[in-house]
Amino acid sequence: RFPDVCRKVCDVVYKWRSTFPGHLWARLSRDGCSTLIKEAREAIPVIEFVSREMDKLDPSNGPVTFLDLCSGLGFLGMLLIEFL
């Protein structure tokens, strides 16, 4: 449903693989990346929504703070940082 966001998420994960220290990548990609894939699939519609809503905001109103209250490893927050 969100092909542009899906492509960018793939690009971000490839970047993480090449730039994160091995022990951090091992934690994110444990279990053959199935958790990473699951989290990415759940985050994609949220990223699309947040991106659309951010485009509607007037930058002169100041910064925006996001709270991910259900953050396990923080995939959504990590991905939002890459998108925004």
PDB file of N, CA and C in Angstrom:
ATOM      1  N   ARG A   1       0.799  -1.206   0.000  1.00  0.00           N
ATOM      2  CA  ARG A   1       0.000   0.000   0.000  1.00  0.00           C
ATOM      3  C   ARG A   1       0.836   1.261   0.000  1.00  0.00           C
ATOM      4  N   PHE A   2       2.058   1.181   0.501  1.00  0.00           N
ATOM      5  CA  PHE A   2       2.909   2.372   0.607  1.00  0.00           C
ATOM      6  C   PHE A   2       4.278   2.078  -0.020  1.00  0.00           C
ATOM      7  N   PRO A   3       4.327   1.935  -1.345  1.00  0.00           N
ATOM      8  CA  PRO A   3       5.570   1.489  -1.986  1.00  0.00           C
ATOM      9  C   PRO A   3       6.757   2.418  -1.762  1.00  0.00           C
ATOM     10  N   ASP A   4       6.538   3.719  -1.735  1.00  0.00           N
ATOM     11  CA  ASP A   4       7.663   4.639  -1.534  1.00  0.00           C
ATOM     12  C   ASP A   4       8.252   4.493  -0.140  1.00  0.00           C
ATOM     13  N   VAL A   5       7.388   4.370   0.851  1.00  0.00           N
ATOM     14  CA  VAL A   5       7.867   4.191   2.224  1.00  0.00           C
ATOM     15  C   VAL A   5       8.560   2.836   2.354  1.00  0.00           C
ATOM     16  N   CYS A   6       8.004   1.807   1.738  1.00  0.00           N
ATOM     17  CA  CYS A   6       8.628   0.476   1.791  1.00  0.00           C
ATOM     18  C   CYS A   6      10.043   0.506   1.219  1.00  0.00           C
ATOM     19  N   ARG A   7      10.205   1.171   0.089  1.00  0.00           N
ATOM     20  CA  ARG A   7      11.545   1.268  -0.518  1.00  0.00           C
ATOM     21  C   ARG A   7      12.514   1.997   0.400  1.00  0.00           C
ATOM     22  N   LYS A   8      12.037   3.089   0.979  1.00  0.00           N
ATOM     23  CA  LYS A   8      12.920   3.852   1.857  1.00  0.00           C
ATOM     24  C   LYS A   8      13.276   3.059   3.112  1.00  0.00           C
ATOM     25  N   VAL A   9      12.329   2.316   3.666  1.00  0.00           N
ATOM     26  CA  VAL A   9      12.628   1.479   4.831  1.00  0.00           C
ATOM     27  C   VAL A   9      13.706   0.456   4.469  1.00  0.00           C
ATOM     28  N   CYS A  10      13.595  -0.146   3.304  1.00  0.00           N
ATOM     29  CA  CYS A  10      14.633  -1.091   2.857  1.00  0.00           C
ATOM     30  C   CYS A  10      15.983  -0.395   2.756  1.00  0.00           C
ATOM     31  N   ASP A  11      16.000   0.784   2.182  1.00  0.00           N
ATOM     32  CA  ASP A  11      17.257   1.536   2.075  1.00  0.00           C
ATOM     33  C   ASP A  11      17.837   1.844   3.455  1.00  0.00           C
ATOM     34  N   VAL A  12      16.985   2.214   4.384  1.00  0.00           N
ATOM     35  CA  VAL A  12      17.431   2.532   5.743  1.00  0.00           C
ATOM     36  C   VAL A  12      18.030   1.297   6.404  1.00  0.00           C
ATOM     37  N   VAL A  13      17.367   0.153   6.270  1.00  0.00           N
ATOM     38  CA  VAL A  13      17.868  -1.075   6.894  1.00  0.00           C
ATOM     39  C   VAL A  13      19.205  -1.477   6.271  1.00  0.00           C
ATOM     40  N   TYR A  14      19.349  -1.321   4.963  1.00  0.00           N
ATOM     41  CA  TYR A  14      20.643  -1.603   4.325  1.00  0.00           C
ATOM     42  C   TYR A  14      21.726  -0.685   4.889  1.00  0.00           C
ATOM     43  N   LYS A  15      21.363   0.573   5.090  1.00  0.00           N
ATOM     44  CA  LYS A  15      22.323   1.525   5.655  1.00  0.00           C
ATOM     45  C   LYS A  15      22.710   1.121   7.074  1.00  0.00           C
ATOM     46  N   TRP A  16      21.700   0.731   7.866  1.00  0.00           N
ATOM     47  CA  TRP A  16      21.993   0.287   9.232  1.00  0.00           C
ATOM     48  C   TRP A  16      22.982  -0.869   9.226  1.00  0.00           C
ATOM     49  N   ARG A  17      22.745  -1.819   8.320  1.00  0.00           N
ATOM     50  CA  ARG A  17      23.611  -3.013   8.259  1.00  0.00           C
ATOM     51  C   ARG A  17      25.060  -2.618   7.995  1.00  0.00           C
ATOM     52  N   SER A  18      25.262  -1.625   7.158  1.00  0.00           N
ATOM     53  CA  SER A  18      26.631  -1.258   6.801  1.00  0.00           C
ATOM     54  C   SER A  18      27.278  -0.282   7.778  1.00  0.00           C
ATOM     55  N   THR A  19      26.475   0.391   8.614  1.00  0.00           N
ATOM     56  CA  THR A  19      27.059   1.413   9.487  1.00  0.00           C
ATOM     57  C   THR A  19      27.023   1.072  10.969  1.00  0.00           C
ATOM     58  N   PHE A  20      26.080   0.249  11.411  1.00  0.00           N
ATOM     59  CA  PHE A  20      25.998  -0.072  12.839  1.00  0.00           C
ATOM     60  C   PHE A  20      27.108  -1.036  13.240  1.00  0.00           C
ATOM     61  N   PRO A  21      27.604  -0.915  14.457  1.00  0.00           N
ATOM     62  CA  PRO A  21      28.569  -1.900  14.950  1.00  0.00           C
ATOM     63  C   PRO A  21      27.950  -3.299  14.937  1.00  0.00           C
ATOM     64  N   GLY A  22      28.777  -4.302  14.760  1.00  0.00           N
ATOM     65  CA  GLY A  22      28.295  -5.681  14.634  1.00  0.00           C
ATOM     66  C   GLY A  22      27.381  -6.125  15.756  1.00  0.00           C
ATOM     67  N   HIS A  23      27.721  -5.790  17.007  1.00  0.00           N
ATOM     68  CA  HIS A  23      26.895  -6.241  18.123  1.00  0.00           C
ATOM     69  C   HIS A  23      25.507  -5.597  18.097  1.00  0.00           C
ATOM     70  N   LEU A  24      25.413  -4.347  17.636  1.00  0.00           N
ATOM     71  CA  LEU A  24      24.112  -3.691  17.542  1.00  0.00           C
ATOM     72  C   LEU A  24      23.296  -4.292  16.401  1.00  0.00           C
ATOM     73  N   TRP A  25      23.927  -4.488  15.247  1.00  0.00           N
ATOM     74  CA  TRP A  25      23.213  -5.101  14.133  1.00  0.00           C
ATOM     75  C   TRP A  25      22.739  -6.504  14.515  1.00  0.00           C
ATOM     76  N   ALA A  26      23.570  -7.254  15.236  1.00  0.00           N
ATOM     77  CA  ALA A  26      23.183  -8.609  15.657  1.00  0.00           C
ATOM     78  C   ALA A  26      21.933  -8.563  16.531  1.00  0.00           C
ATOM     79  N   ARG A  27      21.837  -7.562  17.392  1.00  0.00           N
ATOM     80  CA  ARG A  27      20.652  -7.432  18.246  1.00  0.00           C
ATOM     81  C   ARG A  27      19.412  -7.091  17.412  1.00  0.00           C
ATOM     82  N   LEU A  28      19.569  -6.205  16.438  1.00  0.00           N
ATOM     83  CA  LEU A  28      18.424  -5.808  15.604  1.00  0.00           C
ATOM     84  C   LEU A  28      17.990  -6.921  14.653  1.00  0.00           C
ATOM     85  N   SER A  29      18.943  -7.725  14.213  1.00  0.00           N
ATOM     86  CA  SER A  29      18.640  -8.729  13.189  1.00  0.00           C
ATOM     87  C   SER A  29      18.538 -10.137  13.759  1.00  0.00           C
ATOM     88  N   ARG A  30      18.452 -10.234  15.075  1.00  0.00           N
ATOM     89  CA  ARG A  30      18.344 -11.567  15.680  1.00  0.00           C
ATOM     90  C   ARG A  30      17.183 -12.327  15.061  1.00  0.00           C
ATOM     91  N   ASP A  31      17.154 -13.568  15.206  1.00  0.00           N
ATOM     92  CA  ASP A  31      16.115 -14.481  14.694  1.00  0.00           C
ATOM     93  C   ASP A  31      15.927 -14.369  13.184  1.00  0.00           C
ATOM     94  N   GLY A  32      17.041 -14.224  12.474  1.00  0.00           N
ATOM     95  CA  GLY A  32      16.967 -14.192  11.009  1.00  0.00           C
ATOM     96  C   GLY A  32      16.232 -12.992  10.457  1.00  0.00           C
ATOM     97  N   CYS A  33      16.223 -11.913  11.190  1.00  0.00           N
ATOM     98  CA  CYS A  33      15.578 -10.647  10.802  1.00  0.00           C
ATOM     99  C   CYS A  33      14.051 -10.705  10.852  1.00  0.00           C
ATOM    100  N   SER A  34      13.463 -11.777  11.365  1.00  0.00           N
ATOM    101  CA  SER A  34      11.998 -11.841  11.358  1.00  0.00           C
ATOM    102  C   SER A  34      11.384 -10.754  12.243  1.00  0.00           C
ATOM    103  N   THR A  35      12.014 -10.423  13.367  1.00  0.00           N
ATOM    104  CA  THR A  35      11.494  -9.342  14.211  1.00  0.00           C
ATOM    105  C   THR A  35      11.639  -8.004  13.507  1.00  0.00           C
ATOM    106  N   LEU A  36      12.765  -7.785  12.874  1.00  0.00           N
ATOM    107  CA  LEU A  36      13.003  -6.544  12.136  1.00  0.00           C
ATOM    108  C   LEU A  36      11.964  -6.377  11.027  1.00  0.00           C
ATOM    109  N   ILE A  37      11.689  -7.440  10.311  1.00  0.00           N
ATOM    110  CA  ILE A  37      10.695  -7.388   9.233  1.00  0.00           C
ATOM    111  C   ILE A  37       9.303  -7.111   9.802  1.00  0.00           C
ATOM    112  N   LYS A  38       8.952  -7.794  10.885  1.00  0.00           N
ATOM    113  CA  LYS A  38       7.646  -7.578  11.524  1.00  0.00           C
ATOM    114  C   LYS A  38       7.499  -6.134  11.984  1.00  0.00           C
ATOM    115  N   GLU A  39       8.522  -5.624  12.645  1.00  0.00           N
ATOM    116  CA  GLU A  39       8.471  -4.244  13.139  1.00  0.00           C
ATOM    117  C   GLU A  39       8.397  -3.245  11.990  1.00  0.00           C
ATOM    118  N   ALA A  40       9.135  -3.492  10.923  1.00  0.00           N
ATOM    119  CA  ALA A  40       9.103  -2.604   9.762  1.00  0.00           C
ATOM    120  C   ALA A  40       7.715  -2.604   9.132  1.00  0.00           C
ATOM    121  N   ARG A  41       7.121  -3.776   9.008  1.00  0.00           N
ATOM    122  CA  ARG A  41       5.773  -3.863   8.428  1.00  0.00           C
ATOM    123  C   ARG A  41       4.757  -3.100   9.266  1.00  0.00           C
ATOM    124  N   GLU A  42       4.907  -3.149  10.584  1.00  0.00           N
ATOM    125  CA  GLU A  42       3.995  -2.413  11.454  1.00  0.00           C
ATOM    126  C   GLU A  42       4.253  -0.908  11.407  1.00  0.00           C
ATOM    127  N   ALA A  43       5.497  -0.520  11.188  1.00  0.00           N
ATOM    128  CA  ALA A  43       5.867   0.894  11.206  1.00  0.00           C
ATOM    129  C   ALA A  43       5.524   1.622   9.906  1.00  0.00           C
ATOM    130  N   ILE A  44       5.482   0.927   8.796  1.00  0.00           N
ATOM    131  CA  ILE A  44       5.312   1.574   7.491  1.00  0.00           C
ATOM    132  C   ILE A  44       4.046   2.437   7.419  1.00  0.00           C
ATOM    133  N   PRO A  45       2.864   1.946   7.809  1.00  0.00           N
ATOM    134  CA  PRO A  45       1.687   2.836   7.747  1.00  0.00           C
ATOM    135  C   PRO A  45       1.793   4.017   8.707  1.00  0.00           C
ATOM    136  N   VAL A  46       2.432   3.803   9.842  1.00  0.00           N
ATOM    137  CA  VAL A  46       2.604   4.894  10.811  1.00  0.00           C
ATOM    138  C   VAL A  46       3.530   5.962  10.228  1.00  0.00           C
ATOM    139  N   ILE A  47       4.608   5.532   9.598  1.00  0.00           N
ATOM    140  CA  ILE A  47       5.549   6.470   8.972  1.00  0.00           C
ATOM    141  C   ILE A  47       4.840   7.282   7.891  1.00  0.00           C
ATOM    142  N   GLU A  48       4.032   6.619   7.090  1.00  0.00           N
ATOM    143  CA  GLU A  48       3.271   7.316   6.042  1.00  0.00           C
ATOM    144  C   GLU A  48       2.362   8.367   6.662  1.00  0.00           C
ATOM    145  N   PHE A  49       1.634   7.986   7.701  1.00  0.00           N
ATOM    146  CA  PHE A  49       0.721   8.910   8.378  1.00  0.00           C
ATOM    147  C   PHE A  49       1.472  10.085   8.982  1.00  0.00           C
ATOM    148  N   VAL A  50       2.534   9.802   9.730  1.00  0.00           N
ATOM    149  CA  VAL A  50       3.299  10.865  10.388  1.00  0.00           C
ATOM    150  C   VAL A  50       3.900  11.804   9.343  1.00  0.00           C
ATOM    151  N   SER A  51       4.415  11.262   8.264  1.00  0.00           N
ATOM    152  CA  SER A  51       4.999  12.101   7.205  1.00  0.00           C
ATOM    153  C   SER A  51       3.960  13.048   6.616  1.00  0.00           C
ATOM    154  N   ARG A  52       2.770  12.520   6.357  1.00  0.00           N
ATOM    155  CA  ARG A  52       1.694  13.371   5.812  1.00  0.00           C
ATOM    156  C   ARG A  52       1.314  14.470   6.798  1.00  0.00           C
ATOM    157  N   GLU A  53       1.181  14.102   8.061  1.00  0.00           N
ATOM    158  CA  GLU A  53       0.793  15.088   9.075  1.00  0.00           C
ATOM    159  C   GLU A  53       1.880  16.135   9.278  1.00  0.00           C
ATOM    160  N   MET A  54       3.136  15.722   9.235  1.00  0.00           N
ATOM    161  CA  MET A  54       4.246  16.665   9.395  1.00  0.00           C
ATOM    162  C   MET A  54       4.262  17.674   8.248  1.00  0.00           C
ATOM    163  N   ASP A  55       3.904  17.222   7.053  1.00  0.00           N
ATOM    164  CA  ASP A  55       3.863  18.128   5.899  1.00  0.00           C
ATOM    165  C   ASP A  55       2.822  19.233   6.077  1.00  0.00           C
ATOM    166  N   LYS A  56       1.812  18.986   6.892  1.00  0.00           N
ATOM    167  CA  LYS A  56       0.752  19.970   7.120  1.00  0.00           C
ATOM    168  C   LYS A  56       1.137  21.030   8.156  1.00  0.00           C
ATOM    169  N   LEU A  57       2.186  20.771   8.927  1.00  0.00           N
ATOM    170  CA  LEU A  57       2.546  21.684  10.008  1.00  0.00           C
ATOM    171  C   LEU A  57       3.324  22.893   9.499  1.00  0.00           C
ATOM    172  N   ASP A  58       3.157  23.978  10.178  1.00  0.00           N
ATOM    173  CA  ASP A  58       3.900  25.202   9.888  1.00  0.00           C
ATOM    174  C   ASP A  58       5.179  25.184  10.729  1.00  0.00           C
ATOM    175  N   PRO A  59       6.348  25.157  10.083  1.00  0.00           N
ATOM    176  CA  PRO A  59       7.615  25.099  10.828  1.00  0.00           C
ATOM    177  C   PRO A  59       7.792  26.236  11.830  1.00  0.00           C
ATOM    178  N   SER A  60       7.127  27.355  11.593  1.00  0.00           N
ATOM    179  CA  SER A  60       7.282  28.492  12.504  1.00  0.00           C
ATOM    180  C   SER A  60       6.616  28.237  13.861  1.00  0.00           C
ATOM    181  N   ASN A  61       5.817  27.182  13.957  1.00  0.00           N
ATOM    182  CA  ASN A  61       5.174  26.840  15.228  1.00  0.00           C
ATOM    183  C   ASN A  61       6.109  26.103  16.177  1.00  0.00           C
ATOM    184  N   GLY A  62       7.315  25.826  15.749  1.00  0.00           N
ATOM    185  CA  GLY A  62       8.283  25.200  16.639  1.00  0.00           C
ATOM    186  C   GLY A  62       8.472  23.720  16.388  1.00  0.00           C
ATOM    187  N   PRO A  63       9.339  23.117  17.180  1.00  0.00           N
ATOM    188  CA  PRO A  63       9.657  21.698  16.976  1.00  0.00           C
ATOM    189  C   PRO A  63       8.514  20.785  17.436  1.00  0.00           C
ATOM    190  N   VAL A  64       8.581  19.548  16.975  1.00  0.00           N
ATOM    191  CA  VAL A  64       7.607  18.523  17.321  1.00  0.00           C
ATOM    192  C   VAL A  64       8.347  17.427  18.083  1.00  0.00           C
ATOM    193  N   THR A  65       7.709  16.905  19.120  1.00  0.00           N
ATOM    194  CA  THR A  65       8.278  15.810  19.888  1.00  0.00           C
ATOM    195  C   THR A  65       7.408  14.578  19.701  1.00  0.00           C
ATOM    196  N   PHE A  66       8.032  13.434  19.460  1.00  0.00           N
ATOM    197  CA  PHE A  66       7.319  12.174  19.326  1.00  0.00           C
ATOM    198  C   PHE A  66       7.620  11.304  20.532  1.00  0.00           C
ATOM    199  N   LEU A  67       6.593  10.661  21.044  1.00  0.00           N
ATOM    200  CA  LEU A  67       6.744   9.691  22.118  1.00  0.00           C
ATOM    201  C   LEU A  67       6.223   8.353  21.616  1.00  0.00           C
ATOM    202  N   ASP A  68       7.074   7.352  21.609  1.00  0.00           N
ATOM    203  CA  ASP A  68       6.671   6.007  21.227  1.00  0.00           C
ATOM    204  C   ASP A  68       6.467   5.234  22.520  1.00  0.00           C
ATOM    205  N   LEU A  69       5.231   5.200  22.999  1.00  0.00           N
ATOM    206  CA  LEU A  69       4.939   4.622  24.303  1.00  0.00           C
ATOM    207  C   LEU A  69       4.997   3.099  24.315  1.00  0.00           C
ATOM    208  N   CYS A  70       5.010   2.478  23.174  1.00  0.00           N
ATOM    209  CA  CYS A  70       5.085   1.014  23.102  1.00  0.00           C
ATOM    210  C   CYS A  70       6.429   0.579  22.535  1.00  0.00           C
ATOM    211  N   SER A  71       7.447   1.329  22.854  1.00  0.00           N
ATOM    212  CA  SER A  71       8.754   1.087  22.266  1.00  0.00           C
ATOM    213  C   SER A  71       9.446  -0.087  22.940  1.00  0.00           C
ATOM    214  N   GLY A  72       9.667  -1.130  22.162  1.00  0.00           N
ATOM    215  CA  GLY A  72      10.463  -2.261  22.637  1.00  0.00           C
ATOM    216  C   GLY A  72      11.920  -1.965  22.342  1.00  0.00           C
ATOM    217  N   LEU A  73      12.344  -2.306  21.148  1.00  0.00           N
ATOM    218  CA  LEU A  73      13.701  -1.959  20.711  1.00  0.00           C
ATOM    219  C   LEU A  73      13.743  -0.578  20.066  1.00  0.00           C
ATOM    220  N   GLY A  74      12.589   0.005  19.806  1.00  0.00           N
ATOM    221  CA  GLY A  74      12.546   1.355  19.269  1.00  0.00           C
ATOM    222  C   GLY A  74      12.629   1.453  17.759  1.00  0.00           C
ATOM    223  N   PHE A  75      12.185   0.412  17.056  1.00  0.00           N
ATOM    224  CA  PHE A  75      12.258   0.440  15.591  1.00  0.00           C
ATOM    225  C   PHE A  75      11.502   1.620  14.998  1.00  0.00           C
ATOM    226  N   LEU A  76      10.290   1.882  15.480  1.00  0.00           N
ATOM    227  CA  LEU A  76       9.514   2.987  14.914  1.00  0.00           C
ATOM    228  C   LEU A  76      10.259   4.303  15.097  1.00  0.00           C
ATOM    229  N   GLY A  77      10.754   4.561  16.294  1.00  0.00           N
ATOM    230  CA  GLY A  77      11.501   5.794  16.533  1.00  0.00           C
ATOM    231  C   GLY A  77      12.745   5.887  15.670  1.00  0.00           C
ATOM    232  N   MET A  78      13.451   4.775  15.535  1.00  0.00           N
ATOM    233  CA  MET A  78      14.659   4.753  14.702  1.00  0.00           C
ATOM    234  C   MET A  78      14.322   5.052  13.249  1.00  0.00           C
ATOM    235  N   LEU A  79      13.229   4.478  12.764  1.00  0.00           N
ATOM    236  CA  LEU A  79      12.836   4.712  11.379  1.00  0.00           C
ATOM    237  C   LEU A  79      12.341   6.151  11.178  1.00  0.00           C
ATOM    238  N   LEU A  80      11.574   6.666  12.136  1.00  0.00           N
ATOM    239  CA  LEU A  80      11.100   8.043  12.005  1.00  0.00           C
ATOM    240  C   LEU A  80      12.275   9.020  11.937  1.00  0.00           C
ATOM    241  N   ILE A  81      13.310   8.780  12.710  1.00  0.00           N
ATOM    242  CA  ILE A  81      14.494   9.645  12.658  1.00  0.00           C
ATOM    243  C   ILE A  81      15.060   9.680  11.242  1.00  0.00           C
ATOM    244  N   GLU A  82      15.048   8.557  10.575  1.00  0.00           N
ATOM    245  CA  GLU A  82      15.595   8.479   9.221  1.00  0.00           C
ATOM    246  C   GLU A  82      14.697   9.185   8.206  1.00  0.00           C
ATOM    247  N   PHE A  83      13.410   9.247   8.472  1.00  0.00           N
ATOM    248  CA  PHE A  83      12.454   9.824   7.519  1.00  0.00           C
ATOM    249  C   PHE A  83      12.246  11.316   7.694  1.00  0.00           C
ATOM    250  N   LEU A  84      12.345  11.787   8.922  1.00  0.00           N
ATOM    251  CA  LEU A  84      11.963  13.180   9.188  1.00  0.00           C
ATOM    252  C   LEU A  84      13.144  14.111   9.265  1.00  0.00           C
TER     253      LEU A  84
END
